[in-house]
């Protein structure tokens, strides 16, 4: 467990989360993206890491995780996505860093037809469903990485909460869940 400087409110929060901890779990309780990046750089198999950070957006998390994993297949479930994160995904896909990209978005993307078209051109497969969940799956020969949290693929300066999991059995369950959801979503 990573324990860093914290105030009384943060201590209460951490103590309320203690029943979730075990030897392979780490909680990062600082608020900077550099600390989360450092944590990600030390990621290993069979680990769960939790963080809260400000101005560390989902596309930042994605870029750091794919840098660690190397070229991989990617699955994204998110409520919202904007142009800047889509451009990042598009560039990674064009360069072969993303080998295959599946995206499930909420129907609200229909409010911005240009963005919906861009997302459709970026992904290998894309579907739409009523959704508020956020999930990122990254898989290659060496890694099976799950990220769940509060962040969408948008740029903001709010605090976001995330969990990174590298447990193969859990990845397989999340991947199956994603595929079932994908198959029941609208083209």
Protein backbone atom coordinates (compact mmCIF):
# COMPACT_ATOMS: atom_id res chain seq x y z
CA UNK A 1 0.00 0.00 0.00
CA UNK A 2 1.32 3.45 -0.90
CA UNK A 3 0.81 5.84 1.99
CA UNK A 4 1.58 9.49 1.47
CA UNK A 5 0.85 12.75 3.29
CA UNK A 6 -2.88 13.20 3.96
CA UNK A 7 -5.26 15.31 6.04
CA UNK A 8 -7.93 14.10 8.48
CA UNK A 9 -10.71 13.86 5.84
CA UNK A 10 -8.46 11.80 3.57
CA UNK A 11 -7.57 9.51 6.50
CA UNK A 12 -11.28 8.85 7.16
CA UNK A 13 -11.79 8.07 3.46
CA UNK A 14 -8.87 5.64 3.40
CA UNK A 15 -10.00 3.93 6.59
CA UNK A 16 -13.45 3.46 5.04
CA UNK A 17 -11.77 1.71 2.11
CA UNK A 18 -9.55 -0.57 4.20
CA UNK A 19 -11.83 -3.59 3.81
CA UNK A 20 -11.04 -3.50 0.07
CA UNK A 21 -7.30 -3.80 0.55
CA UNK A 22 -5.15 -6.88 0.28
CA UNK A 23 -1.48 -7.47 -0.42
CA UNK A 24 -1.71 -6.82 -4.16
CA UNK A 25 -3.80 -3.64 -3.79
CA UNK A 26 -2.38 -0.16 -3.67
CA UNK A 27 -4.13 3.10 -2.89
CA UNK A 28 -2.60 6.31 -4.09
CA UNK A 29 -3.96 9.19 -2.09
CA UNK A 30 -2.22 12.14 -3.67
CA UNK A 31 -3.92 14.27 -6.24
CA UNK A 32 -1.31 14.77 -8.94
CA UNK A 33 -1.22 13.04 -12.28
CA UNK A 34 2.54 12.62 -11.99
CA UNK A 35 2.06 10.38 -8.94
CA UNK A 36 -0.50 8.28 -10.84
CA UNK A 37 1.86 8.05 -13.82
CA UNK A 38 4.61 6.82 -11.52
CA UNK A 39 2.24 4.26 -10.06
CA UNK A 40 1.27 3.05 -13.55
CA UNK A 41 4.93 2.72 -14.55
CA UNK A 42 5.32 0.18 -11.72
CA UNK A 43 2.22 -1.80 -12.63
CA UNK A 44 2.64 -5.57 -12.68
CA UNK A 45 0.34 -8.56 -13.26
CA UNK A 46 -2.20 -9.56 -10.59
CA UNK A 47 -2.41 -6.06 -9.15
CA UNK A 48 -5.19 -3.62 -8.32
CA UNK A 49 -4.40 0.08 -7.99
CA UNK A 50 -6.75 2.86 -6.93
CA UNK A 51 -6.27 6.59 -7.38
CA UNK A 52 -7.94 9.96 -7.22
CA UNK A 53 -6.40 12.76 -9.24
CA UNK A 54 -7.22 16.13 -10.68
CA UNK A 55 -6.62 17.00 -14.34
CA UNK A 56 -5.68 13.40 -15.16
CA UNK A 57 -8.21 12.66 -17.85
CA UNK A 58 -9.18 9.31 -19.33
CA UNK A 59 -7.14 9.91 -22.47
CA UNK A 60 -4.11 10.56 -20.19
CA UNK A 61 -4.72 7.28 -18.34
CA UNK A 62 -5.14 5.49 -21.66
CA UNK A 63 -1.90 6.93 -23.08
CA UNK A 64 0.07 5.92 -19.98
CA UNK A 65 -1.39 2.41 -19.94
CA UNK A 66 -0.82 1.78 -23.66
CA UNK A 67 2.73 3.11 -23.30
CA UNK A 68 3.28 0.45 -20.65
CA UNK A 69 1.57 -2.39 -22.54
CA UNK A 70 2.76 -1.68 -26.05
CA UNK A 71 0.53 -2.26 -29.09
CA UNK A 72 -2.77 -3.77 -28.00
CA UNK A 73 -6.45 -4.33 -28.68
CA UNK A 74 -8.61 -1.73 -26.93
CA UNK A 75 -12.25 -1.68 -25.83
CA UNK A 76 -13.85 1.51 -24.55
CA UNK A 77 -17.22 2.02 -22.86
CA UNK A 78 -17.94 5.63 -21.98
CA UNK A 79 -20.81 8.05 -21.59
CA UNK A 80 -19.07 10.91 -23.37
CA UNK A 81 -16.19 11.48 -25.73
CA UNK A 82 -14.92 14.71 -27.26
CA UNK A 83 -12.80 15.60 -30.27
CA UNK A 84 -9.39 15.89 -28.58
CA UNK A 85 -9.43 12.40 -26.99
CA UNK A 86 -10.81 10.98 -30.25
CA UNK A 87 -7.87 12.51 -32.14
CA UNK A 88 -5.50 10.78 -29.72
CA UNK A 89 -7.25 7.45 -30.25
CA UNK A 90 -7.23 8.00 -34.01
CA UNK A 91 -3.49 8.74 -34.08
CA UNK A 92 -2.67 5.72 -31.92
CA UNK A 93 -4.82 3.57 -34.21
CA UNK A 94 -3.20 4.92 -37.38
CA UNK A 95 0.28 4.22 -35.95
CA UNK A 96 -0.65 0.64 -35.03
CA UNK A 97 -0.33 1.24 -31.29
CA UNK A 98 -4.02 0.37 -31.10
CA UNK A 99 -4.33 -2.82 -33.11
CA UNK A 100 -8.13 -3.07 -32.87
CA UNK A 101 -10.55 -0.56 -31.32
CA UNK A 102 -14.12 -1.23 -30.15
CA UNK A 103 -16.18 1.59 -28.66
CA UNK A 104 -19.60 1.70 -26.99
CA UNK A 105 -20.99 5.21 -26.49
CA UNK A 106 -24.14 6.64 -25.00
CA UNK A 107 -26.83 7.79 -27.44
CA UNK A 108 -26.14 11.43 -26.48
CA UNK A 109 -23.33 11.47 -29.06
CA UNK A 110 -26.10 11.81 -31.66
CA UNK A 111 -26.41 15.46 -30.60
CA UNK A 112 -23.08 16.09 -32.35
CA UNK A 113 -23.22 14.32 -35.73
CA UNK A 114 -19.67 15.30 -36.74
CA UNK A 115 -18.27 13.79 -33.56
CA UNK A 116 -20.35 10.65 -34.02
CA UNK A 117 -19.00 10.30 -37.57
CA UNK A 118 -15.41 10.83 -36.39
CA UNK A 119 -15.85 8.18 -33.67
CA UNK A 120 -17.26 5.80 -36.28
CA UNK A 121 -14.24 6.38 -38.53
CA UNK A 122 -11.80 5.88 -35.65
CA UNK A 123 -13.16 2.61 -34.27
CA UNK A 124 -13.11 -0.79 -35.94
CA UNK A 125 -16.50 -1.45 -34.34
CA UNK A 126 -18.79 1.07 -32.65
CA UNK A 127 -22.19 0.75 -31.02
CA UNK A 128 -24.58 2.93 -29.01
CA UNK A 129 -26.60 2.21 -25.89
CA UNK A 130 -28.01 4.05 -22.88
CA UNK A 131 -24.90 4.12 -20.77
CA UNK A 132 -23.14 6.02 -18.02
CA UNK A 133 -20.46 3.42 -17.21
CA UNK A 134 -16.76 4.01 -17.92
CA UNK A 135 -14.55 1.07 -18.81
CA UNK A 136 -11.25 0.67 -20.65
CA UNK A 137 -9.85 -2.74 -21.59
CA UNK A 138 -6.32 -3.13 -23.02
CA UNK A 139 -5.09 -6.55 -24.11
CA UNK A 140 -2.07 -8.00 -25.87
CA UNK A 141 0.14 -11.07 -25.46
CA UNK A 142 1.67 -9.72 -22.22
CA UNK A 143 -1.04 -7.60 -20.61
CA UNK A 144 -4.70 -7.70 -19.68
CA UNK A 145 -5.49 -4.30 -18.17
CA UNK A 146 -8.85 -3.07 -16.86
CA UNK A 147 -9.53 0.55 -15.96
CA UNK A 148 -12.81 1.56 -14.35
CA UNK A 149 -13.54 4.94 -12.89
CA UNK A 150 -15.47 8.16 -13.07
CA UNK A 151 -13.73 9.80 -16.04
CA UNK A 152 -15.14 10.00 -19.54
CA UNK A 153 -12.97 10.50 -22.61
CA UNK A 154 -13.25 14.27 -22.19
CA UNK A 155 -10.92 17.00 -21.03
CA UNK A 156 -11.74 18.52 -17.63
CA UNK A 157 -10.07 19.73 -14.45
CA UNK A 158 -12.25 17.88 -11.94
CA UNK A 159 -11.16 15.20 -9.54
CA UNK A 160 -11.57 11.76 -11.09
CA UNK A 161 -11.41 8.39 -9.42
CA UNK A 162 -9.99 5.28 -11.03
CA UNK A 163 -9.12 1.64 -10.49
CA UNK A 164 -6.56 -0.23 -12.59
CA UNK A 165 -6.70 -4.03 -12.46
CA UNK A 166 -4.30 -6.53 -14.05
CA UNK A 167 -5.95 -9.78 -12.96
CA UNK A 168 -6.53 -12.07 -15.97
CA UNK A 169 -9.70 -13.75 -14.66
CA UNK A 170 -11.32 -10.38 -13.96
CA UNK A 171 -10.25 -9.10 -17.37
CA UNK A 172 -11.88 -12.10 -19.03
CA UNK A 173 -15.13 -11.40 -17.12
CA UNK A 174 -15.10 -7.69 -18.06
CA UNK A 175 -14.32 -8.57 -21.68
CA UNK A 176 -17.22 -11.03 -21.83
CA UNK A 177 -19.50 -8.43 -20.24
CA UNK A 178 -18.34 -5.82 -22.79
CA UNK A 179 -19.02 -8.19 -25.71
CA UNK A 180 -22.51 -9.04 -24.42
CA UNK A 181 -23.27 -5.34 -24.03
CA UNK A 182 -21.81 -4.62 -27.49
CA UNK A 183 -23.95 -7.33 -29.08
CA UNK A 184 -27.08 -5.84 -27.51
CA UNK A 185 -26.27 -2.25 -28.49
CA UNK A 186 -27.42 -0.36 -31.58
CA UNK A 187 -25.27 0.15 -34.68
